[in-house]
Amino acid sequence: MAPSRRRRYSRRDIMPKRRNHPPAPPPPVQLPLFAETASLVRIRPELNEWRYYRMAVWPDLFGRALLVRQWGRIGTEGRRRFDPHPDPGAAINALAALLRIKRRRGYQDRSE
């Protein structure tokens, strides 16, 4: 019987071949043109009114978007409503329309 020969592996066999390509540029950053969240308050102590209204656009599991609205008295959990929209653009348009209506009714942007 002849002795078996073992193949010796070198680093060249194990490591992938290097290619002299420049690294890919980072993807461009898209800045949001329209707000995806809003937080409003209406405070009128003479009427004992301390209200808040929050809105946000959330992605849906099915590729759609939800407009989440939450409102109530400051300091409470309040009520919450989920409005489905076919895409995020439609939800942002609905948010902008509600924002205009709420500002006309006396709500102001919450200062943080």
Protein backbone atom coordinates (compact mmCIF):
# COMPACT_ATOMS: atom_id res chain seq x y z
CA MET A 1 0.00 0.00 0.00
CA ALA A 2 1.20 3.45 -0.90
CA PRO A 3 1.23 6.12 1.78
CA SER A 4 -1.61 8.65 1.41
CA ARG A 5 -0.72 12.19 0.66
CA ARG A 6 -2.45 14.94 2.59
CA ARG A 7 -3.19 18.13 0.76
CA ARG A 8 -1.90 21.18 2.50
CA TYR A 9 -4.17 24.18 2.35
CA SER A 10 -2.69 27.60 2.08
CA ARG A 11 -4.19 30.94 3.03
CA ARG A 12 -4.93 31.53 -0.64
CA ASP A 13 -7.27 28.52 -0.70
CA ILE A 14 -9.23 29.61 2.38
CA MET A 15 -9.50 33.39 2.01
CA PRO A 16 -11.77 34.87 -0.67
CA LYS A 17 -10.08 36.68 -3.49
CA ARG A 18 -9.74 40.40 -3.06
CA ARG A 19 -11.12 42.69 -5.65
CA ASN A 20 -9.80 46.18 -6.13
CA HIS A 21 -13.18 47.89 -6.20
CA PRO A 22 -13.68 51.11 -4.29
CA PRO A 23 -16.15 50.89 -1.40
CA ALA A 24 -19.76 51.66 -2.27
CA PRO A 25 -20.89 55.18 -1.39
CA PRO A 26 -23.34 55.46 1.51
CA PRO A 27 -27.01 55.71 0.52
CA PRO A 28 -28.42 59.24 0.39
CA VAL A 29 -30.22 60.49 3.47
CA GLN A 30 -33.82 61.53 2.85
CA LEU A 31 -34.90 64.28 5.18
CA PRO A 32 -38.63 64.33 5.94
CA LEU A 33 -40.43 67.22 4.28
CA PHE A 34 -43.60 66.76 6.31
CA ALA A 35 -43.97 66.00 9.98
CA GLU A 36 -44.88 62.44 10.87
CA THR A 37 -45.79 63.36 14.45
CA ALA A 38 -47.58 66.26 16.07
CA SER A 39 -48.30 67.16 19.69
CA LEU A 40 -50.79 69.92 20.48
CA VAL A 41 -52.25 71.40 23.67
CA ARG A 42 -55.15 73.70 24.47
CA ILE A 43 -54.97 75.20 27.94
CA ARG A 44 -57.70 77.56 29.15
CA PRO A 45 -57.57 77.73 32.98
CA GLU A 46 -60.59 80.03 33.21
CA LEU A 47 -62.70 77.22 31.69
CA ASN A 48 -60.83 74.46 33.57
CA GLU A 49 -59.71 73.09 30.23
CA TRP A 50 -56.36 71.26 29.98
CA ARG A 51 -56.41 69.22 26.76
CA TYR A 52 -53.82 67.49 24.58
CA TYR A 53 -53.95 65.98 21.11
CA ARG A 54 -51.19 63.77 19.65
CA MET A 55 -50.88 62.31 16.17
CA ALA A 56 -48.31 59.98 14.61
CA VAL A 57 -47.91 57.90 11.47
CA TRP A 58 -47.06 54.25 12.14
CA PRO A 59 -46.17 51.60 9.55
CA ASP A 60 -48.54 48.68 9.17
CA LEU A 61 -47.53 45.03 8.82
CA PHE A 62 -49.16 44.91 5.39
CA GLY A 63 -47.30 47.85 3.81
CA ARG A 64 -49.97 50.39 4.65
CA ALA A 65 -49.83 53.16 7.24
CA LEU A 66 -51.83 53.98 10.35
CA LEU A 67 -52.60 57.46 11.58
CA VAL A 68 -52.66 57.15 15.37
CA ARG A 69 -54.58 59.88 17.17
CA GLN A 70 -54.63 60.25 20.94
CA TRP A 71 -56.48 62.93 22.84
CA GLY A 72 -57.78 63.75 26.30
CA ARG A 73 -57.21 65.72 29.45
CA ILE A 74 -53.56 66.40 30.31
CA GLY A 75 -52.38 63.86 32.86
CA THR A 76 -54.70 61.05 31.69
CA GLU A 77 -54.31 58.22 29.20
CA GLY A 78 -57.13 59.65 27.11
CA ARG A 79 -58.60 57.98 24.05
CA ARG A 80 -56.82 56.49 21.06
CA ARG A 81 -57.93 55.93 17.48
CA PHE A 82 -56.17 54.14 14.59
CA ASP A 83 -57.07 55.27 11.07
CA PRO A 84 -55.74 52.98 8.28
CA HIS A 85 -54.42 54.58 5.07
CA PRO A 86 -53.17 52.92 1.86
CA ASP A 87 -49.67 54.42 2.09
CA PRO A 88 -47.60 56.71 4.35
CA GLY A 89 -48.16 59.70 2.04
CA ALA A 90 -51.93 59.51 2.48
CA ALA A 91 -51.52 59.23 6.26
CA ILE A 92 -49.24 62.29 6.34
CA ASN A 93 -51.77 64.25 4.25
CA ALA A 94 -54.51 63.31 6.70
CA LEU A 95 -52.27 64.35 9.62
CA ALA A 96 -51.64 67.75 7.98
CA ALA A 97 -55.37 68.30 7.41
CA LEU A 98 -56.23 67.42 11.03
CA LEU A 99 -53.40 69.66 12.24
CA ARG A 100 -54.91 72.64 10.39
CA ILE A 101 -58.36 71.93 11.86
CA LYS A 102 -57.03 71.60 15.42
CA ARG A 103 -55.02 74.82 15.17
CA ARG A 104 -58.15 76.65 13.99
CA ARG A 105 -59.93 75.36 17.11
CA GLY A 106 -57.32 76.88 19.43
CA TYR A 107 -54.77 74.10 19.85
CA GLN A 108 -51.14 75.20 19.87
CA ASP A 109 -47.91 73.26 19.31
CA ARG A 110 -46.61 71.83 22.56
CA SER A 111 -43.39 73.50 23.67
CA GLU A 112 -40.90 71.02 25.12
